[in-house]
Amino acid sequence: MHILAFVLMLLCLGSCSSTPVDGQSSVYRSGWAQDRQVQRDVAAIIQGIARARAENDRMARAARDPGAARPGS
């Protein structure tokens, strides 16, 4: 649950930068690009967490049943 709060915080911080300042469209585009970068960073974090959890689950199964960890056994 803490991870979800962190992700939402990052998204909120990124969306604050997309507000146009004094009607300057270049500032808006810069903020939008930052939003996209934040979204890519958050997606990479979530994928990393998912890979780590999958690896942790695989290692836990291998510890419980060593024969299952070897393919073809």
PDB file of N, CA and C in Angstrom:
ATOM      1  N   MET A   1       0.820  -1.190   0.000  1.00  0.00           N
ATOM      2  CA  MET A   1       0.000   0.000   0.000  1.00  0.00           C
ATOM      3  C   MET A   1       0.868   1.260   0.000  1.00  0.00           C
ATOM      4  N   HIS A   2       2.015   1.184   0.672  1.00  0.00           N
ATOM      5  CA  HIS A   2       2.902   2.338   0.700  1.00  0.00           C
ATOM      6  C   HIS A   2       3.440   2.649  -0.690  1.00  0.00           C
ATOM      7  N   ILE A   3       3.651   1.602  -1.490  1.00  0.00           N
ATOM      8  CA  ILE A   3       4.162   1.800  -2.846  1.00  0.00           C
ATOM      9  C   ILE A   3       3.146   2.566  -3.672  1.00  0.00           C
ATOM     10  N   LEU A   4       1.871   2.229  -3.518  1.00  0.00           N
ATOM     11  CA  LEU A   4       0.818   2.919  -4.258  1.00  0.00           C
ATOM     12  C   LEU A   4       0.790   4.397  -3.880  1.00  0.00           C
ATOM     13  N   ALA A   5       0.926   4.703  -2.604  1.00  0.00           N
ATOM     14  CA  ALA A   5       0.943   6.102  -2.168  1.00  0.00           C
ATOM     15  C   ALA A   5       2.135   6.837  -2.781  1.00  0.00           C
ATOM     16  N   PHE A   6       3.279   6.177  -2.828  1.00  0.00           N
ATOM     17  CA  PHE A   6       4.479   6.783  -3.415  1.00  0.00           C
ATOM     18  C   PHE A   6       4.268   7.065  -4.904  1.00  0.00           C
ATOM     19  N   VAL A   7       3.677   6.109  -5.606  1.00  0.00           N
ATOM     20  CA  VAL A   7       3.429   6.276  -7.035  1.00  0.00           C
ATOM     21  C   VAL A   7       2.467   7.437  -7.269  1.00  0.00           C
ATOM     22  N   LEU A   8       1.410   7.503  -6.470  1.00  0.00           N
ATOM     23  CA  LEU A   8       0.456   8.600  -6.627  1.00  0.00           C
ATOM     24  C   LEU A   8       1.112   9.944  -6.338  1.00  0.00           C
ATOM     25  N   MET A   9       1.984   9.983  -5.355  1.00  0.00           N
ATOM     26  CA  MET A   9       2.696  11.219  -5.047  1.00  0.00           C
ATOM     27  C   MET A   9       3.555  11.651  -6.236  1.00  0.00           C
ATOM     28  N   LEU A  10       4.258  10.702  -6.847  1.00  0.00           N
ATOM     29  CA  LEU A  10       5.080  11.034  -8.014  1.00  0.00           C
ATOM     30  C   LEU A  10       4.227  11.562  -9.160  1.00  0.00           C
ATOM     31  N   LEU A  11       3.081  10.943  -9.378  1.00  0.00           N
ATOM     32  CA  LEU A  11       2.212  11.400 -10.455  1.00  0.00           C
ATOM     33  C   LEU A  11       1.687  12.803 -10.179  1.00  0.00           C
ATOM     34  N   CYS A  12       1.347  13.075  -8.925  1.00  0.00           N
ATOM     35  CA  CYS A  12       0.865  14.415  -8.570  1.00  0.00           C
ATOM     36  C   CYS A  12       1.964  15.450  -8.744  1.00  0.00           C
ATOM     37  N   LEU A  13       3.170  15.115  -8.339  1.00  0.00           N
ATOM     38  CA  LEU A  13       4.285  16.048  -8.512  1.00  0.00           C
ATOM     39  C   LEU A  13       4.525  16.315  -9.988  1.00  0.00           C
ATOM     40  N   GLY A  14       4.413  15.292 -10.802  1.00  0.00           N
ATOM     41  CA  GLY A  14       4.609  15.465 -12.238  1.00  0.00           C
ATOM     42  C   GLY A  14       3.520  16.297 -12.876  1.00  0.00           C
ATOM     43  N   SER A  15       2.283  16.155 -12.410  1.00  0.00           N
ATOM     44  CA  SER A  15       1.188  16.903 -13.017  1.00  0.00           C
ATOM     45  C   SER A  15       1.253  18.382 -12.655  1.00  0.00           C
ATOM     46  N   CYS A  16       1.859  18.723 -11.538  1.00  0.00           N
ATOM     47  CA  CYS A  16       1.996  20.131 -11.161  1.00  0.00           C
ATOM     48  C   CYS A  16       2.869  20.878 -12.159  1.00  0.00           C
ATOM     49  N   SER A  17       3.811  20.194 -12.754  1.00  0.00           N
ATOM     50  CA  SER A  17       4.743  20.868 -13.668  1.00  0.00           C
ATOM     51  C   SER A  17       4.122  21.128 -15.031  1.00  0.00           C
ATOM     52  N   SER A  18       2.924  20.584 -15.311  1.00  0.00           N
ATOM     53  CA  SER A  18       2.346  20.742 -16.640  1.00  0.00           C
ATOM     54  C   SER A  18       1.474  21.987 -16.762  1.00  0.00           C
ATOM     55  N   THR A  19       1.342  22.770 -15.704  1.00  0.00           N
ATOM     56  CA  THR A  19       0.508  23.963 -15.743  1.00  0.00           C
ATOM     57  C   THR A  19       1.225  25.071 -16.522  1.00  0.00           C
ATOM     58  N   PRO A  20       0.543  25.658 -17.522  1.00  0.00           N
ATOM     59  CA  PRO A  20       1.181  26.732 -18.276  1.00  0.00           C
ATOM     60  C   PRO A  20       1.433  27.955 -17.383  1.00  0.00           C
ATOM     61  N   VAL A  21       2.564  28.597 -17.547  1.00  0.00           N
ATOM     62  CA  VAL A  21       2.904  29.790 -16.787  1.00  0.00           C
ATOM     63  C   VAL A  21       2.827  30.984 -17.724  1.00  0.00           C
ATOM     64  N   ASP A  22       2.005  31.956 -17.382  1.00  0.00           N
ATOM     65  CA  ASP A  22       1.837  33.177 -18.184  1.00  0.00           C
ATOM     66  C   ASP A  22       1.474  32.862 -19.635  1.00  0.00           C
ATOM     67  N   GLY A  23       0.761  31.781 -19.858  1.00  0.00           N
ATOM     68  CA  GLY A  23       0.313  31.438 -21.200  1.00  0.00           C
ATOM     69  C   GLY A  23       1.411  31.027 -22.151  1.00  0.00           C
ATOM     70  N   GLN A  24       2.565  30.698 -21.642  1.00  0.00           N
ATOM     71  CA  GLN A  24       3.675  30.308 -22.511  1.00  0.00           C
ATOM     72  C   GLN A  24       3.560  28.824 -22.840  1.00  0.00           C
ATOM     73  N   SER A  25       3.306  28.533 -24.111  1.00  0.00           N
ATOM     74  CA  SER A  25       3.102  27.146 -24.497  1.00  0.00           C
ATOM     75  C   SER A  25       4.378  26.319 -24.353  1.00  0.00           C
ATOM     76  N   SER A  26       5.552  26.960 -24.469  1.00  0.00           N
ATOM     77  CA  SER A  26       6.798  26.202 -24.335  1.00  0.00           C
ATOM     78  C   SER A  26       6.941  25.660 -22.920  1.00  0.00           C
ATOM     79  N   VAL A  27       6.484  26.416 -21.932  1.00  0.00           N
ATOM     80  CA  VAL A  27       6.526  25.939 -20.552  1.00  0.00           C
ATOM     81  C   VAL A  27       5.578  24.766 -20.400  1.00  0.00           C
ATOM     82  N   TYR A  28       4.408  24.855 -21.036  1.00  0.00           N
ATOM     83  CA  TYR A  28       3.441  23.758 -20.970  1.00  0.00           C
ATOM     84  C   TYR A  28       4.025  22.498 -21.596  1.00  0.00           C
ATOM     85  N   ARG A  29       4.646  22.631 -22.763  1.00  0.00           N
ATOM     86  CA  ARG A  29       5.225  21.453 -23.422  1.00  0.00           C
ATOM     87  C   ARG A  29       6.334  20.856 -22.568  1.00  0.00           C
ATOM     88  N   SER A  30       7.125  21.708 -21.951  1.00  0.00           N
ATOM     89  CA  SER A  30       8.199  21.220 -21.089  1.00  0.00           C
ATOM     90  C   SER A  30       7.607  20.429 -19.925  1.00  0.00           C
ATOM     91  N   GLY A  31       6.542  20.956 -19.326  1.00  0.00           N
ATOM     92  CA  GLY A  31       5.880  20.257 -18.221  1.00  0.00           C
ATOM     93  C   GLY A  31       5.289  18.934 -18.680  1.00  0.00           C
ATOM     94  N   TRP A  32       4.703  18.918 -19.880  1.00  0.00           N
ATOM     95  CA  TRP A  32       4.108  17.690 -20.400  1.00  0.00           C
ATOM     96  C   TRP A  32       5.180  16.628 -20.600  1.00  0.00           C
ATOM     97  N   ALA A  33       6.332  17.046 -21.118  1.00  0.00           N
ATOM     98  CA  ALA A  33       7.431  16.097 -21.313  1.00  0.00           C
ATOM     99  C   ALA A  33       7.894  15.546 -19.967  1.00  0.00           C
ATOM    100  N   GLN A  34       7.914  16.389 -18.952  1.00  0.00           N
ATOM    101  CA  GLN A  34       8.291  15.923 -17.620  1.00  0.00           C
ATOM    102  C   GLN A  34       7.269  14.929 -17.094  1.00  0.00           C
ATOM    103  N   ASP A  35       5.974  15.187 -17.357  1.00  0.00           N
ATOM    104  CA  ASP A  35       4.935  14.240 -16.953  1.00  0.00           C
ATOM    105  C   ASP A  35       5.170  12.875 -17.578  1.00  0.00           C
ATOM    106  N   ARG A  36       5.476  12.874 -18.864  1.00  0.00           N
ATOM    107  CA  ARG A  36       5.713  11.609 -19.570  1.00  0.00           C
ATOM    108  C   ARG A  36       6.920  10.893 -18.974  1.00  0.00           C
ATOM    109  N   GLN A  37       7.958  11.655 -18.619  1.00  0.00           N
ATOM    110  CA  GLN A  37       9.150  11.043 -18.022  1.00  0.00           C
ATOM    111  C   GLN A  37       8.809  10.450 -16.664  1.00  0.00           C
ATOM    112  N   VAL A  38       8.022  11.153 -15.878  1.00  0.00           N
ATOM    113  CA  VAL A  38       7.616  10.642 -14.570  1.00  0.00           C
ATOM    114  C   VAL A  38       6.818   9.353 -14.747  1.00  0.00           C
ATOM    115  N   GLN A  39       5.913   9.334 -15.729  1.00  0.00           N
ATOM    116  CA  GLN A  39       5.122   8.128 -15.971  1.00  0.00           C
ATOM    117  C   GLN A  39       6.019   6.961 -16.375  1.00  0.00           C
ATOM    118  N   ARG A  40       7.028   7.229 -17.210  1.00  0.00           N
ATOM    119  CA  ARG A  40       7.949   6.150 -17.605  1.00  0.00           C
ATOM    120  C   ARG A  40       8.755   5.663 -16.399  1.00  0.00           C
ATOM    121  N   ASP A  41       9.188   6.609 -15.555  1.00  0.00           N
ATOM    122  CA  ASP A  41       9.952   6.226 -14.367  1.00  0.00           C
ATOM    123  C   ASP A  41       9.111   5.377 -13.428  1.00  0.00           C
ATOM    124  N   VAL A  42       7.860   5.784 -13.217  1.00  0.00           N
ATOM    125  CA  VAL A  42       6.967   5.039 -12.322  1.00  0.00           C
ATOM    126  C   VAL A  42       6.709   3.650 -12.899  1.00  0.00           C
ATOM    127  N   ALA A  43       6.492   3.565 -14.211  1.00  0.00           N
ATOM    128  CA  ALA A  43       6.262   2.263 -14.840  1.00  0.00           C
ATOM    129  C   ALA A  43       7.491   1.363 -14.669  1.00  0.00           C
ATOM    130  N   ALA A  44       8.680   1.936 -14.799  1.00  0.00           N
ATOM    131  CA  ALA A  44       9.902   1.147 -14.624  1.00  0.00           C
ATOM    132  C   ALA A  44      10.033   0.664 -13.184  1.00  0.00           C
ATOM    133  N   ILE A  45       9.668   1.508 -12.226  1.00  0.00           N
ATOM    134  CA  ILE A  45       9.716   1.110 -10.816  1.00  0.00           C
ATOM    135  C   ILE A  45       8.753  -0.038 -10.554  1.00  0.00           C
ATOM    136  N   ILE A  46       7.531   0.087 -11.079  1.00  0.00           N
ATOM    137  CA  ILE A  46       6.520  -0.952 -10.863  1.00  0.00           C
ATOM    138  C   ILE A  46       6.962  -2.266 -11.515  1.00  0.00           C
ATOM    139  N   GLN A  47       7.530  -2.196 -12.725  1.00  0.00           N
ATOM    140  CA  GLN A  47       8.007  -3.413 -13.387  1.00  0.00           C
ATOM    141  C   GLN A  47       9.146  -4.046 -12.606  1.00  0.00           C
ATOM    142  N   GLY A  48      10.028  -3.226 -12.064  1.00  0.00           N
ATOM    143  CA  GLY A  48      11.131  -3.746 -11.255  1.00  0.00           C
ATOM    144  C   GLY A  48      10.636  -4.452 -10.013  1.00  0.00           C
ATOM    145  N   ILE A  49       9.631  -3.872  -9.378  1.00  0.00           N
ATOM    146  CA  ILE A  49       9.050  -4.489  -8.183  1.00  0.00           C
ATOM    147  C   ILE A  49       8.398  -5.814  -8.551  1.00  0.00           C
ATOM    148  N   ALA A  50       7.682  -5.846  -9.672  1.00  0.00           N
ATOM    149  CA  ALA A  50       7.020  -7.080 -10.102  1.00  0.00           C
ATOM    150  C   ALA A  50       8.050  -8.170 -10.406  1.00  0.00           C
ATOM    151  N   ARG A  51       9.150  -7.792 -11.073  1.00  0.00           N
ATOM    152  CA  ARG A  51      10.197  -8.788 -11.363  1.00  0.00           C
ATOM    153  C   ARG A  51      10.835  -9.307 -10.078  1.00  0.00           C
ATOM    154  N   ALA A  52      11.079  -8.407  -9.129  1.00  0.00           N
ATOM    155  CA  ALA A  52      11.691  -8.818  -7.864  1.00  0.00           C
ATOM    156  C   ALA A  52      10.763  -9.756  -7.096  1.00  0.00           C
ATOM    157  N   ARG A  53       9.468  -9.451  -7.099  1.00  0.00           N
ATOM    158  CA  ARG A  53       8.518 -10.322  -6.396  1.00  0.00           C
ATOM    159  C   ARG A  53       8.438 -11.689  -7.063  1.00  0.00           C
ATOM    160  N   ALA A  54       8.441 -11.717  -8.395  1.00  0.00           N
ATOM    161  CA  ALA A  54       8.390 -12.992  -9.114  1.00  0.00           C
ATOM    162  C   ALA A  54       9.637 -13.820  -8.808  1.00  0.00           C
ATOM    163  N   GLU A  55      10.792 -13.172  -8.794  1.00  0.00           N
ATOM    164  CA  GLU A  55      12.028 -13.883  -8.477  1.00  0.00           C
ATOM    165  C   GLU A  55      12.013 -14.387  -7.039  1.00  0.00           C
ATOM    166  N   ASN A  56      11.496 -13.562  -6.137  1.00  0.00           N
ATOM    167  CA  ASN A  56      11.398 -13.969  -4.737  1.00  0.00           C
ATOM    168  C   ASN A  56      10.467 -15.173  -4.584  1.00  0.00           C
ATOM    169  N   ASP A  57       9.338 -15.156  -5.281  1.00  0.00           N
ATOM    170  CA  ASP A  57       8.406 -16.290  -5.235  1.00  0.00           C
ATOM    171  C   ASP A  57       9.062 -17.545  -5.794  1.00  0.00           C
ATOM    172  N   ARG A  58       9.791 -17.392  -6.907  1.00  0.00           N
ATOM    173  CA  ARG A  58      10.465 -18.546  -7.519  1.00  0.00           C
ATOM    174  C   ARG A  58      11.492 -19.133  -6.556  1.00  0.00           C
ATOM    175  N   MET A  59      12.247 -18.271  -5.903  1.00  0.00           N
ATOM    176  CA  MET A  59      13.261 -18.754  -4.964  1.00  0.00           C
ATOM    177  C   MET A  59      12.617 -19.414  -3.742  1.00  0.00           C
ATOM    178  N   ALA A  60      11.486 -18.896  -3.296  1.00  0.00           N
ATOM    179  CA  ALA A  60      10.786 -19.497  -2.156  1.00  0.00           C
ATOM    180  C   ALA A  60      10.276 -20.887  -2.524  1.00  0.00           C
ATOM    181  N   ARG A  61       9.740 -21.032  -3.753  1.00  0.00           N
ATOM    182  CA  ARG A  61       9.277 -22.357  -4.199  1.00  0.00           C
ATOM    183  C   ARG A  61      10.455 -23.321  -4.306  1.00  0.00           C
ATOM    184  N   ALA A  62      11.586 -22.843  -4.812  1.00  0.00           N
ATOM    185  CA  ALA A  62      12.764 -23.694  -4.946  1.00  0.00           C
ATOM    186  C   ALA A  62      13.277 -24.134  -3.572  1.00  0.00           C
ATOM    187  N   ALA A  63      13.166 -23.271  -2.587  1.00  0.00           N
ATOM    188  CA  ALA A  63      13.621 -23.627  -1.238  1.00  0.00           C
ATOM    189  C   ALA A  63      12.708 -24.692  -0.622  1.00  0.00           C
ATOM    190  N   ARG A  64      11.416 -24.613  -0.937  1.00  0.00           N
ATOM    191  CA  ARG A  64      10.473 -25.604  -0.394  1.00  0.00           C
ATOM    192  C   ARG A  64      10.598 -26.951  -1.101  1.00  0.00           C
ATOM    193  N   ASP A  65      10.848 -26.913  -2.413  1.00  0.00           N
ATOM    194  CA  ASP A  65      10.909 -28.145  -3.206  1.00  0.00           C
ATOM    195  C   ASP A  65      12.100 -28.066  -4.164  1.00  0.00           C
ATOM    196  N   PRO A  66      13.299 -28.464  -3.703  1.00  0.00           N
ATOM    197  CA  PRO A  66      14.501 -28.332  -4.534  1.00  0.00           C
ATOM    198  C   PRO A  66      14.408 -29.053  -5.874  1.00  0.00           C
ATOM    199  N   GLY A  67      13.679 -30.129  -5.973  1.00  0.00           N
ATOM    200  CA  GLY A  67      13.553 -30.868  -7.229  1.00  0.00           C
ATOM    201  C   GLY A  67      12.785 -30.100  -8.285  1.00  0.00           C
ATOM    202  N   ALA A  68      11.882 -29.228  -7.868  1.00  0.00           N
ATOM    203  CA  ALA A  68      11.065 -28.474  -8.819  1.00  0.00           C
ATOM    204  C   ALA A  68      11.861 -27.370  -9.491  1.00  0.00           C
ATOM    205  N   ALA A  69      12.948 -26.942  -8.891  1.00  0.00           N
ATOM    206  CA  ALA A  69      13.734 -25.842  -9.448  1.00  0.00           C
ATOM    207  C   ALA A  69      14.564 -26.287 -10.641  1.00  0.00           C
ATOM    208  N   ARG A  70      14.824 -27.611 -10.764  1.00  0.00           N
ATOM    209  CA  ARG A  70      15.641 -28.108 -11.878  1.00  0.00           C
ATOM    210  C   ARG A  70      14.746 -28.542 -13.027  1.00  0.00           C
ATOM    211  N   PRO A  71      14.887 -27.902 -14.173  1.00  0.00           N
ATOM    212  CA  PRO A  71      14.059 -28.309 -15.309  1.00  0.00           C
ATOM    213  C   PRO A  71      14.425 -29.721 -15.775  1.00  0.00           C
ATOM    214  N   GLY A  72      13.417 -30.466 -16.142  1.00  0.00           N
ATOM    215  CA  GLY A  72      13.637 -31.808 -16.659  1.00  0.00           C
ATOM    216  C   GLY A  72      13.807 -32.871 -15.593  1.00  0.00           C
ATOM    217  N   SER A  73      13.649 -32.509 -14.333  1.00  0.00           N
ATOM    218  CA  SER A  73      13.809 -33.503 -13.264  1.00  0.00           C
ATOM    219  C   SER A  73      12.491 -34.176 -12.976  1.00  0.00           C
TER     220      SER A  73
END
